[in-house]
Full PDB file with SEQRES, HELIX, SHEET, SSBOND, CRYST1, ORIGX, SCALE, CONECT and MASTER records, all heavy atoms in Angstrom:
SEQRES   1 A   39  MET ASN SER LEU ASN SER GLU ASP THR ALA VAL TYR TYR          
SEQRES   2 A   39  CYS ALA ALA THR VAL ASN ARG GLN THR VAL VAL ASP ASP          
SEQRES   3 A   39  ARG LEU TYR ASN TYR TRP GLY GLN GLY THR GLN VAL THR          
HELIX    1 AA1 SER A    6  ASP A    8  5                                   3    
HELIX    2 AA2 ASP A   26  LEU A   28  5                                   3    
SHEET    1 AA1 2 ALA A  10  TYR A  12  0                                        
SHEET    2 AA1 2 THR A  36  VAL A  38 -1                                        
SHEET    1 AA2 2 ALA A  15  ALA A  16  0                                        
SHEET    2 AA2 2 TYR A  31  TRP A  32 -1                                        
CRYST1    1.000    1.000    1.000  90.00  90.00  90.00 P 1           1          
ORIGX1      1.000000  0.000000  0.000000        0.00000                         
ORIGX2      0.000000  1.000000  0.000000        0.00000                         
ORIGX3      0.000000  0.000000  1.000000        0.00000                         
SCALE1      1.000000  0.000000  0.000000        0.00000                         
SCALE2      0.000000  1.000000  0.000000        0.00000                         
SCALE3      0.000000  0.000000  1.000000        0.00000                         
ATOM      1  N   MET A   1      86.384-137.646   6.605  1.00  0.00           N  
ATOM      2  CA  MET A   1      86.480-136.263   6.182  1.00  0.00           C  
ATOM      3  C   MET A   1      86.842-135.399   7.356  1.00  0.00           C  
ATOM      4  O   MET A   1      86.222-135.491   8.422  1.00  0.00           O  
ATOM      5  CB  MET A   1      85.158-135.787   5.575  1.00  0.00           C  
ATOM      6  CG  MET A   1      84.760-136.495   4.275  1.00  0.00           C  
ATOM      7  SD  MET A   1      85.528-135.711   2.827  1.00  0.00           S  
ATOM      8  CE  MET A   1      84.588-134.178   2.767  1.00  0.00           C  
ATOM      9  N   ASN A   2      87.845-134.579   7.144  1.00  0.00           N  
ATOM     10  CA  ASN A   2      88.283-133.644   8.177  1.00  0.00           C  
ATOM     11  C   ASN A   2      87.924-132.219   7.754  1.00  0.00           C  
ATOM     12  O   ASN A   2      87.667-131.956   6.573  1.00  0.00           O  
ATOM     13  CB  ASN A   2      89.793-133.741   8.430  1.00  0.00           C  
ATOM     14  CG  ASN A   2      90.201-135.118   8.880  1.00  0.00           C  
ATOM     15  OD1 ASN A   2      89.499-135.777   9.659  1.00  0.00           O  
ATOM     16  ND2 ASN A   2      91.342-135.591   8.370  1.00  0.00           N  
ATOM     17  N   SER A   3      87.965-131.322   8.720  1.00  0.00           N  
ATOM     18  CA  SER A   3      87.691-129.903   8.462  1.00  0.00           C  
ATOM     19  C   SER A   3      86.443-129.714   7.647  1.00  0.00           C  
ATOM     20  O   SER A   3      86.426-129.018   6.591  1.00  0.00           O  
ATOM     21  CB  SER A   3      88.895-129.267   7.748  1.00  0.00           C  
ATOM     22  OG  SER A   3      90.069-129.383   8.532  1.00  0.00           O  
ATOM     23  N   LEU A   4      85.387-130.306   8.074  1.00  0.00           N  
ATOM     24  CA  LEU A   4      84.127-130.201   7.336  1.00  0.00           C  
ATOM     25  C   LEU A   4      83.616-128.793   7.268  1.00  0.00           C  
ATOM     26  O   LEU A   4      83.773-128.008   8.236  1.00  0.00           O  
ATOM     27  CB  LEU A   4      83.081-131.125   7.983  1.00  0.00           C  
ATOM     28  CG  LEU A   4      83.340-132.615   7.842  1.00  0.00           C  
ATOM     29  CD1 LEU A   4      82.496-133.410   8.852  1.00  0.00           C  
ATOM     30  CD2 LEU A   4      83.065-133.083   6.433  1.00  0.00           C  
ATOM     31  N   ASN A   5      82.988-128.476   6.183  1.00  0.00           N  
ATOM     32  CA  ASN A   5      82.349-127.171   6.036  1.00  0.00           C  
ATOM     33  C   ASN A   5      80.979-127.352   5.448  1.00  0.00           C  
ATOM     34  O   ASN A   5      80.566-128.471   5.085  1.00  0.00           O  
ATOM     35  CB  ASN A   5      83.203-126.246   5.168  1.00  0.00           C  
ATOM     36  CG  ASN A   5      83.485-126.798   3.800  1.00  0.00           C  
ATOM     37  OD1 ASN A   5      82.577-126.867   2.944  1.00  0.00           O  
ATOM     38  ND2 ASN A   5      84.716-127.205   3.549  1.00  0.00           N  
ATOM     39  N   SER A   6      80.232-126.267   5.335  1.00  0.00           N  
ATOM     40  CA  SER A   6      78.855-126.355   4.915  1.00  0.00           C  
ATOM     41  C   SER A   6      78.684-126.933   3.511  1.00  0.00           C  
ATOM     42  O   SER A   6      77.664-127.545   3.212  1.00  0.00           O  
ATOM     43  CB  SER A   6      78.202-124.983   4.978  1.00  0.00           C  
ATOM     44  OG  SER A   6      78.851-124.058   4.111  1.00  0.00           O  
ATOM     45  N   GLU A   7      79.688-126.778   2.678  1.00  0.00           N  
ATOM     46  CA  GLU A   7      79.611-127.346   1.328  1.00  0.00           C  
ATOM     47  C   GLU A   7      79.700-128.869   1.319  1.00  0.00           C  
ATOM     48  O   GLU A   7      79.454-129.474   0.294  1.00  0.00           O  
ATOM     49  CB  GLU A   7      80.696-126.734   0.452  1.00  0.00           C  
ATOM     50  CG  GLU A   7      80.523-125.242   0.187  1.00  0.00           C  
ATOM     51  CD  GLU A   7      81.525-124.692  -0.812  1.00  0.00           C  
ATOM     52  OE1 GLU A   7      82.321-125.466  -1.339  1.00  0.00           O  
ATOM     53  OE2 GLU A   7      81.456-123.497  -1.077  1.00  0.00           O  
ATOM     54  N   ASP A   8      80.086-129.450   2.437  1.00  0.00           N  
ATOM     55  CA  ASP A   8      80.124-130.904   2.523  1.00  0.00           C  
ATOM     56  C   ASP A   8      78.796-131.490   2.897  1.00  0.00           C  
ATOM     57  O   ASP A   8      78.648-132.731   2.929  1.00  0.00           O  
ATOM     58  CB  ASP A   8      81.164-131.331   3.574  1.00  0.00           C  
ATOM     59  CG  ASP A   8      82.573-130.946   3.194  1.00  0.00           C  
ATOM     60  OD1 ASP A   8      82.938-131.155   2.012  1.00  0.00           O  
ATOM     61  OD2 ASP A   8      83.319-130.423   4.059  1.00  0.00           O  
ATOM     62  N   THR A   9      77.774-130.678   3.180  1.00  0.00           N  
ATOM     63  CA  THR A   9      76.473-131.185   3.478  1.00  0.00           C  
ATOM     64  C   THR A   9      75.896-131.888   2.264  1.00  0.00           C  
ATOM     65  O   THR A   9      75.770-131.268   1.168  1.00  0.00           O  
ATOM     66  CB  THR A   9      75.541-130.047   3.915  1.00  0.00           C  
ATOM     67  OG1 THR A   9      76.021-129.488   5.152  1.00  0.00           O  
ATOM     68  CG2 THR A   9      74.132-130.536   4.092  1.00  0.00           C  
ATOM     69  N   ALA A  10      75.561-133.135   2.421  1.00  0.00           N  
ATOM     70  CA  ALA A  10      75.106-133.930   1.306  1.00  0.00           C  
ATOM     71  C   ALA A  10      74.682-135.302   1.800  1.00  0.00           C  
ATOM     72  O   ALA A  10      74.987-135.677   2.946  1.00  0.00           O  
ATOM     73  CB  ALA A  10      76.175-134.053   0.233  1.00  0.00           C  
ATOM     74  N   VAL A  11      74.017-136.018   0.941  1.00  0.00           N  
ATOM     75  CA  VAL A  11      73.842-137.467   1.171  1.00  0.00           C  
ATOM     76  C   VAL A  11      75.017-138.146   0.541  1.00  0.00           C  
ATOM     77  O   VAL A  11      75.340-137.939  -0.649  1.00  0.00           O  
ATOM     78  CB  VAL A  11      72.518-137.965   0.562  1.00  0.00           C  
ATOM     79  CG1 VAL A  11      72.378-139.470   0.734  1.00  0.00           C  
ATOM     80  CG2 VAL A  11      71.341-137.230   1.178  1.00  0.00           C  
ATOM     81  N   TYR A  12      75.686-138.982   1.312  1.00  0.00           N  
ATOM     82  CA  TYR A  12      76.878-139.685   0.848  1.00  0.00           C  
ATOM     83  C   TYR A  12      76.512-141.119   0.533  1.00  0.00           C  
ATOM     84  O   TYR A  12      75.878-141.825   1.336  1.00  0.00           O  
ATOM     85  CB  TYR A  12      77.953-139.620   1.923  1.00  0.00           C  
ATOM     86  CG  TYR A  12      78.630-138.294   1.995  1.00  0.00           C  
ATOM     87  CD1 TYR A  12      77.976-137.190   2.571  1.00  0.00           C  
ATOM     88  CD2 TYR A  12      79.907-138.076   1.475  1.00  0.00           C  
ATOM     89  CE1 TYR A  12      78.561-135.950   2.594  1.00  0.00           C  
ATOM     90  CE2 TYR A  12      80.509-136.849   1.537  1.00  0.00           C  
ATOM     91  CZ  TYR A  12      79.853-135.788   2.100  1.00  0.00           C  
ATOM     92  OH  TYR A  12      80.449-134.540   2.125  1.00  0.00           O  
ATOM     93  N   TYR A  13      76.957-141.565  -0.613  1.00  0.00           N  
ATOM     94  CA  TYR A  13      76.638-142.909  -1.095  1.00  0.00           C  
ATOM     95  C   TYR A  13      77.878-143.741  -1.297  1.00  0.00           C  
ATOM     96  O   TYR A  13      78.901-143.248  -1.814  1.00  0.00           O  
ATOM     97  CB  TYR A  13      75.919-142.802  -2.450  1.00  0.00           C  
ATOM     98  CG  TYR A  13      74.580-142.109  -2.423  1.00  0.00           C  
ATOM     99  CD1 TYR A  13      74.466-140.770  -2.666  1.00  0.00           C  
ATOM    100  CD2 TYR A  13      73.425-142.837  -2.125  1.00  0.00           C  
ATOM    101  CE1 TYR A  13      73.268-140.114  -2.613  1.00  0.00           C  
ATOM    102  CE2 TYR A  13      72.193-142.206  -2.098  1.00  0.00           C  
ATOM    103  CZ  TYR A  13      72.109-140.867  -2.345  1.00  0.00           C  
ATOM    104  OH  TYR A  13      70.904-140.239  -2.317  1.00  0.00           O  
ATOM    105  N   CYS A  14      77.797-144.942  -0.857  1.00  0.00           N  
ATOM    106  CA  CYS A  14      78.825-145.951  -1.099  1.00  0.00           C  
ATOM    107  C   CYS A  14      78.462-146.713  -2.355  1.00  0.00           C  
ATOM    108  O   CYS A  14      77.307-146.981  -2.630  1.00  0.00           O  
ATOM    109  CB  CYS A  14      78.930-146.895   0.093  1.00  0.00           C  
ATOM    110  SG  CYS A  14      80.121-148.190  -0.064  1.00  0.00           S  
ATOM    111  N   ALA A  15      79.465-147.020  -3.148  1.00  0.00           N  
ATOM    112  CA  ALA A  15      79.212-147.751  -4.395  1.00  0.00           C  
ATOM    113  C   ALA A  15      80.345-148.734  -4.641  1.00  0.00           C  
ATOM    114  O   ALA A  15      81.480-148.535  -4.210  1.00  0.00           O  
ATOM    115  CB  ALA A  15      79.112-146.757  -5.564  1.00  0.00           C  
ATOM    116  N   ALA A  16      80.002-149.776  -5.346  1.00  0.00           N  
ATOM    117  CA  ALA A  16      80.994-150.803  -5.694  1.00  0.00           C  
ATOM    118  C   ALA A  16      80.944-151.015  -7.191  1.00  0.00           C  
ATOM    119  O   ALA A  16      79.900-150.979  -7.846  1.00  0.00           O  
ATOM    120  CB  ALA A  16      80.669-152.128  -4.994  1.00  0.00           C  
ATOM    121  N   THR A  17      82.126-151.258  -7.765  1.00  0.00           N  
ATOM    122  CA  THR A  17      82.261-151.488  -9.194  1.00  0.00           C  
ATOM    123  C   THR A  17      82.924-152.855  -9.400  1.00  0.00           C  
ATOM    124  O   THR A  17      83.700-153.311  -8.553  1.00  0.00           O  
ATOM    125  CB  THR A  17      83.077-150.399  -9.883  1.00  0.00           C  
ATOM    126  OG1 THR A  17      83.348-150.741 -11.239  1.00  0.00           O  
ATOM    127  CG2 THR A  17      84.420-150.167  -9.183  1.00  0.00           C  
ATOM    128  N   VAL A  18      82.627-153.462 -10.522  1.00  0.00           N  
ATOM    129  CA  VAL A  18      83.291-154.739 -10.852  1.00  0.00           C  
ATOM    130  C   VAL A  18      84.761-154.485 -11.179  1.00  0.00           C  
ATOM    131  O   VAL A  18      85.547-155.443 -11.169  1.00  0.00           O  
ATOM    132  CB  VAL A  18      82.589-155.442 -11.997  1.00  0.00           C  
ATOM    133  CG1 VAL A  18      81.176-155.793 -11.634  1.00  0.00           C  
ATOM    134  CG2 VAL A  18      82.601-154.567 -13.277  1.00  0.00           C  
ATOM    135  N   ASN A  19      85.146-153.254 -11.452  1.00  0.00           N  
ATOM    136  CA  ASN A  19      86.547-152.935 -11.630  1.00  0.00           C  
ATOM    137  C   ASN A  19      87.308-153.153 -10.342  1.00  0.00           C  
ATOM    138  O   ASN A  19      86.843-152.880  -9.245  1.00  0.00           O  
ATOM    139  CB  ASN A  19      86.739-151.505 -12.130  1.00  0.00           C  
ATOM    140  CG  ASN A  19      86.085-151.265 -13.460  1.00  0.00           C  
ATOM    141  OD1 ASN A  19      84.989-150.743 -13.555  1.00  0.00           O  
ATOM    142  ND2 ASN A  19      86.819-151.601 -14.512  1.00  0.00           N  
ATOM    143  N   ARG A  20      88.526-153.582 -10.468  1.00  0.00           N  
ATOM    144  CA  ARG A  20      89.365-153.764  -9.298  1.00  0.00           C  
ATOM    145  C   ARG A  20      90.146-152.531  -8.945  1.00  0.00           C  
ATOM    146  O   ARG A  20      90.582-152.382  -7.798  1.00  0.00           O  
ATOM    147  CB  ARG A  20      90.323-154.953  -9.521  1.00  0.00           C  
ATOM    148  CG  ARG A  20      89.608-156.317  -9.534  1.00  0.00           C  
ATOM    149  CD  ARG A  20      90.591-157.448  -9.736  1.00  0.00           C  
ATOM    150  NE  ARG A  20      89.896-158.695  -9.709  1.00  0.00           N  
ATOM    151  CZ  ARG A  20      89.739-159.478  -8.630  1.00  0.00           C  
ATOM    152  NH1 ARG A  20      90.303-159.111  -7.471  1.00  0.00           N  
ATOM    153  NH2 ARG A  20      89.098-160.629  -8.695  1.00  0.00           N  
ATOM    154  N   GLN A  21      90.346-151.650  -9.902  1.00  0.00           N  
ATOM    155  CA  GLN A  21      91.087-150.422  -9.676  1.00  0.00           C  
ATOM    156  C   GLN A  21      90.130-149.252  -9.579  1.00  0.00           C  
ATOM    157  O   GLN A  21      88.975-149.352 -10.008  1.00  0.00           O  
ATOM    158  CB  GLN A  21      92.121-150.213 -10.789  1.00  0.00           C  
ATOM    159  CG  GLN A  21      93.069-151.355 -10.979  1.00  0.00           C  
ATOM    160  CD  GLN A  21      93.824-151.706  -9.693  1.00  0.00           C  
ATOM    161  OE1 GLN A  21      94.152-150.831  -8.889  1.00  0.00           O  
ATOM    162  NE2 GLN A  21      94.073-153.003  -9.491  1.00  0.00           N  
ATOM    163  N   THR A  22      90.614-148.138  -9.080  1.00  0.00           N  
ATOM    164  CA  THR A  22      89.757-147.017  -8.808  1.00  0.00           C  
ATOM    165  C   THR A  22      89.221-146.414 -10.139  1.00  0.00           C  
ATOM    166  O   THR A  22      89.939-146.275 -11.092  1.00  0.00           O  
ATOM    167  CB  THR A  22      90.491-145.921  -8.036  1.00  0.00           C  
ATOM    168  OG1 THR A  22      91.672-145.539  -8.780  1.00  0.00           O  
ATOM    169  CG2 THR A  22      90.903-146.429  -6.673  1.00  0.00           C  
ATOM    170  N   VAL A  23      87.944-146.043 -10.098  1.00  0.00           N  
ATOM    171  CA  VAL A  23      87.298-145.316 -11.186  1.00  0.00           C  
ATOM    172  C   VAL A  23      86.511-144.192 -10.582  1.00  0.00           C  
ATOM    173  O   VAL A  23      86.070-144.233  -9.425  1.00  0.00           O  
ATOM    174  CB  VAL A  23      86.404-146.241 -12.032  1.00  0.00           C  
ATOM    175  CG1 VAL A  23      87.208-147.283 -12.745  1.00  0.00           C  
ATOM    176  CG2 VAL A  23      85.337-146.894 -11.149  1.00  0.00           C  
ATOM    177  N   VAL A  24      86.329-143.133 -11.342  1.00  0.00           N  
ATOM    178  CA  VAL A  24      85.598-141.967 -10.872  1.00  0.00           C  
ATOM    179  C   VAL A  24      84.275-141.735 -11.561  1.00  0.00           C  
ATOM    180  O   VAL A  24      83.483-140.889 -11.106  1.00  0.00           O  
ATOM    181  CB  VAL A  24      86.471-140.691 -11.029  1.00  0.00           C  
ATOM    182  CG1 VAL A  24      87.793-140.864 -10.240  1.00  0.00           C  
ATOM    183  CG2 VAL A  24      86.777-140.403 -12.484  1.00  0.00           C  
ATOM    184  N   ASP A  25      83.977-142.453 -12.598  1.00  0.00           N  
ATOM    185  CA  ASP A  25      82.735-142.304 -13.354  1.00  0.00           C  
ATOM    186  C   ASP A  25      81.653-143.124 -12.660  1.00  0.00           C  
ATOM    187  O   ASP A  25      81.774-144.348 -12.585  1.00  0.00           O  
ATOM    188  CB  ASP A  25      82.950-142.729 -14.793  1.00  0.00           C  
ATOM    189  CG  ASP A  25      81.798-142.417 -15.696  1.00  0.00           C  
ATOM    190  OD1 ASP A  25      80.678-142.138 -15.188  1.00  0.00           O  
ATOM    191  OD2 ASP A  25      81.949-142.462 -16.916  1.00  0.00           O  
ATOM    192  N   ASP A  26      80.602-142.470 -12.211  1.00  0.00           N  
ATOM    193  CA  ASP A  26      79.585-143.188 -11.475  1.00  0.00           C  
ATOM    194  C   ASP A  26      78.821-144.181 -12.388  1.00  0.00           C  
ATOM    195  O   ASP A  26      78.194-145.104 -11.882  1.00  0.00           O  
ATOM    196  CB  ASP A  26      78.598-142.226 -10.806  1.00  0.00           C  
ATOM    197  CG  ASP A  26      77.897-141.251 -11.788  1.00  0.00           C  
ATOM    198  OD1 ASP A  26      78.131-141.334 -12.971  1.00  0.00           O  
ATOM    199  OD2 ASP A  26      77.120-140.437 -11.265  1.00  0.00           O  
ATOM    200  N   ARG A  27      78.891-143.974 -13.685  1.00  0.00           N  
ATOM    201  CA  ARG A  27      78.270-144.916 -14.592  1.00  0.00           C  
ATOM    202  C   ARG A  27      78.950-146.266 -14.607  1.00  0.00           C  
ATOM    203  O   ARG A  27      78.369-147.233 -15.086  1.00  0.00           O  
ATOM    204  CB  ARG A  27      78.266-144.335 -16.013  1.00  0.00           C  
ATOM    205  CG  ARG A  27      77.401-143.097 -16.162  1.00  0.00           C  
ATOM    206  CD  ARG A  27      77.568-142.466 -17.540  1.00  0.00           C  
ATOM    207  NE  ARG A  27      78.922-142.002 -17.720  1.00  0.00           N  
ATOM    208  CZ  ARG A  27      79.377-141.433 -18.857  1.00  0.00           C  
ATOM    209  NH1 ARG A  27      78.546-141.293 -19.873  1.00  0.00           N  
ATOM    210  NH2 ARG A  27      80.624-141.011 -18.957  1.00  0.00           N  
ATOM    211  N   LEU A  28      80.139-146.337 -14.061  1.00  0.00           N  
ATOM    212  CA  LEU A  28      80.872-147.592 -14.013  1.00  0.00           C  
ATOM    213  C   LEU A  28      80.692-148.357 -12.703  1.00  0.00           C  
ATOM    214  O   LEU A  28      81.283-149.416 -12.547  1.00  0.00           O  
ATOM    215  CB  LEU A  28      82.366-147.302 -14.232  1.00  0.00           C  
ATOM    216  CG  LEU A  28      82.718-146.684 -15.585  1.00  0.00           C  
ATOM    217  CD1 LEU A  28      84.228-146.447 -15.693  1.00  0.00           C  
ATOM    218  CD2 LEU A  28      82.261-147.543 -16.737  1.00  0.00           C  
ATOM    219  N   TYR A  29      79.905-147.829 -11.816  1.00  0.00           N  
ATOM    220  CA  TYR A  29      79.624-148.489 -10.567  1.00  0.00           C  
ATOM    221  C   TYR A  29      78.341-149.296 -10.690  1.00  0.00           C  
ATOM    222  O   TYR A  29      77.354-148.830 -11.262  1.00  0.00           O  
ATOM    223  CB  TYR A  29      79.542-147.487  -9.419  1.00  0.00           C  
ATOM    224  CG  TYR A  29      80.908-147.026  -8.994  1.00  0.00           C  
ATOM    225  CD1 TYR A  29      81.539-146.005  -9.662  1.00  0.00           C  
ATOM    226  CD2 TYR A  29      81.544-147.638  -7.905  1.00  0.00           C  
ATOM    227  CE1 TYR A  29      82.823-145.598  -9.267  1.00  0.00           C  
ATOM    228  CE2 TYR A  29      82.811-147.249  -7.517  1.00  0.00           C  
ATOM    229  CZ  TYR A  29      83.434-146.204  -8.217  1.00  0.00           C  
ATOM    230  OH  TYR A  29      84.696-145.806  -7.834  1.00  0.00           O  
ATOM    231  N   ASN A  30      78.355-150.472 -10.140  1.00  0.00           N  
ATOM    232  CA  ASN A  30      77.305-151.446 -10.318  1.00  0.00           C  
ATOM    233  C   ASN A  30      76.350-151.594  -9.154  1.00  0.00           C  
ATOM    234  O   ASN A  30      75.207-151.992  -9.315  1.00  0.00           O  
ATOM    235  CB  ASN A  30      77.894-152.810 -10.617  1.00  0.00           C  
ATOM    236  CG  ASN A  30      78.925-152.766 -11.753  1.00  0.00           C  
ATOM    237  OD1 ASN A  30      80.121-152.674 -11.525  1.00  0.00           O  
ATOM    238  ND2 ASN A  30      78.403-152.847 -13.001  1.00  0.00           N  
ATOM    239  N   TYR A  31      76.821-151.272  -7.950  1.00  0.00           N  
ATOM    240  CA  TYR A  31      76.026-151.442  -6.744  1.00  0.00           C  
ATOM    241  C   TYR A  31      76.097-150.161  -5.924  1.00  0.00           C  
ATOM    242  O   TYR A  31      77.151-149.564  -5.781  1.00  0.00           O  
ATOM    243  CB  TYR A  31      76.547-152.625  -5.913  1.00  0.00           C  
ATOM    244  CG  TYR A  31      76.673-153.915  -6.716  1.00  0.00           C  
ATOM    245  CD1 TYR A  31      77.901-154.328  -7.188  1.00  0.00           C  
ATOM    246  CD2 TYR A  31      75.547-154.684  -6.961  1.00  0.00           C  
ATOM    247  CE1 TYR A  31      78.021-155.487  -7.939  1.00  0.00           C  
ATOM    248  CE2 TYR A  31      75.670-155.859  -7.690  1.00  0.00           C  
ATOM    249  CZ  TYR A  31      76.913-156.261  -8.168  1.00  0.00           C  
ATOM    250  OH  TYR A  31      77.016-157.423  -8.907  1.00  0.00           O  
ATOM    251  N   TRP A  32      74.970-149.820  -5.320  1.00  0.00           N  
ATOM    252  CA  TRP A  32      74.851-148.579  -4.550  1.00  0.00           C  
ATOM    253  C   TRP A  32      74.108-148.827  -3.248  1.00  0.00           C  
ATOM    254  O   TRP A  32      73.184-149.608  -3.178  1.00  0.00           O  
ATOM    255  CB  TRP A  32      74.078-147.540  -5.357  1.00  0.00           C  
ATOM    256  CG  TRP A  32      74.818-147.088  -6.564  1.00  0.00           C  
ATOM    257  CD1 TRP A  32      74.846-147.668  -7.793  1.00  0.00           C  
ATOM    258  CD2 TRP A  32      75.630-145.902  -6.660  1.00  0.00           C  
ATOM    259  NE1 TRP A  32      75.630-146.957  -8.649  1.00  0.00           N  
ATOM    260  CE2 TRP A  32      76.124-145.863  -7.990  1.00  0.00           C  
ATOM    261  CE3 TRP A  32      75.971-144.886  -5.797  1.00  0.00           C  
ATOM    262  CZ2 TRP A  32      76.945-144.832  -8.419  1.00  0.00           C  
ATOM    263  CZ3 TRP A  32      76.798-143.852  -6.212  1.00  0.00           C  
ATOM    264  CH2 TRP A  32      77.281-143.847  -7.538  1.00  0.00           C  
ATOM    265  N   GLY A  33      74.581-148.125  -2.213  1.00  0.00           N  
ATOM    266  CA  GLY A  33      73.826-148.125  -0.966  1.00  0.00           C  
ATOM    267  C   GLY A  33      72.764-147.067  -0.984  1.00  0.00           C  
ATOM    268  O   GLY A  33      72.565-146.338  -1.976  1.00  0.00           O  
ATOM    269  N   GLN A  34      72.037-146.979   0.093  1.00  0.00           N  
ATOM    270  CA  GLN A  34      70.910-146.039   0.190  1.00  0.00           C  
ATOM    271  C   GLN A  34      71.350-144.625   0.564  1.00  0.00           C  
ATOM    272  O   GLN A  34      70.555-143.685   0.395  1.00  0.00           O  
ATOM    273  CB  GLN A  34      69.877-146.534   1.185  1.00  0.00           C  
ATOM    274  CG  GLN A  34      69.182-147.830   0.770  1.00  0.00           C  
ATOM    275  CD  GLN A  34      69.988-149.043   1.143  1.00  0.00           C  
ATOM    276  OE1 GLN A  34      70.475-149.161   2.257  1.00  0.00           O  
ATOM    277  NE2 GLN A  34      70.146-149.954   0.171  1.00  0.00           N  
ATOM    278  N   GLY A  35      72.520-144.460   1.050  1.00  0.00           N  
ATOM    279  CA  GLY A  35      73.045-143.174   1.397  1.00  0.00           C  
ATOM    280  C   GLY A  35      72.952-142.867   2.898  1.00  0.00           C  
ATOM    281  O   GLY A  35      72.105-143.424   3.591  1.00  0.00           O  
ATOM    282  N   THR A  36      73.829-141.994   3.365  1.00  0.00           N  
ATOM    283  CA  THR A  36      73.784-141.513   4.735  1.00  0.00           C  
ATOM    284  C   THR A  36      73.950-140.011   4.692  1.00  0.00           C  
ATOM    285  O   THR A  36      74.779-139.466   3.986  1.00  0.00           O  
ATOM    286  CB  THR A  36      74.866-142.193   5.589  1.00  0.00           C  
ATOM    287  OG1 THR A  36      74.738-141.762   6.960  1.00  0.00           O  
ATOM    288  CG2 THR A  36      76.280-141.872   5.101  1.00  0.00           C  
ATOM    289  N   GLN A  37      73.104-139.340   5.455  1.00  0.00           N  
ATOM    290  CA  GLN A  37      73.092-137.891   5.436  1.00  0.00           C  
ATOM    291  C   GLN A  37      74.163-137.302   6.312  1.00  0.00           C  
ATOM    292  O   GLN A  37      74.301-137.698   7.466  1.00  0.00           O  
ATOM    293  CB  GLN A  37      71.692-137.376   5.907  1.00  0.00           C  
ATOM    294  CG  GLN A  37      71.610-135.864   6.030  1.00  0.00           C  
ATOM    295  CD  GLN A  37      71.556-135.191   4.670  1.00  0.00           C  
ATOM    296  OE1 GLN A  37      70.792-135.603   3.812  1.00  0.00           O  
ATOM    297  NE2 GLN A  37      72.365-134.146   4.501  1.00  0.00           N  
ATOM    298  N   VAL A  38      74.904-136.374   5.760  1.00  0.00           N  
ATOM    299  CA  VAL A  38      75.875-135.598   6.529  1.00  0.00           C  
ATOM    300  C   VAL A  38      75.466-134.137   6.446  1.00  0.00           C  
ATOM    301  O   VAL A  38      75.312-133.598   5.360  1.00  0.00           O  
ATOM    302  CB  VAL A  38      77.300-135.765   5.983  1.00  0.00           C  
ATOM    303  CG1 VAL A  38      78.264-134.827   6.727  1.00  0.00           C  
ATOM    304  CG2 VAL A  38      77.767-137.199   6.110  1.00  0.00           C  
ATOM    305  N   THR A  39      75.236-133.552   7.568  1.00  0.00           N  
ATOM    306  CA  THR A  39      74.839-132.139   7.661  1.00  0.00           C  
ATOM    307  C   THR A  39      75.846-131.389   8.484  1.00  0.00           C  
ATOM    308  O   THR A  39      76.102-131.770   9.634  1.00  0.00           O  
ATOM    309  CB  THR A  39      73.446-131.980   8.259  1.00  0.00           C  
ATOM    310  OG1 THR A  39      72.506-132.737   7.486  1.00  0.00           O  
ATOM    311  CG2 THR A  39      73.037-130.525   8.275  1.00  0.00           C  
TER     312      THR A  39                                                      
MASTER        0    0    0    2    4    0    0    6  311    1    0    3          
END                                                                             
């Protein structure tokens, strides 16, 4: 992420889906990390 601003403050999570192509619905993701805080 470039040009970060205050609205980017969040916990960021990595997720994996059994789909091979990109999906945007979080309900379709099967595995999740614990998150990393960006402030």
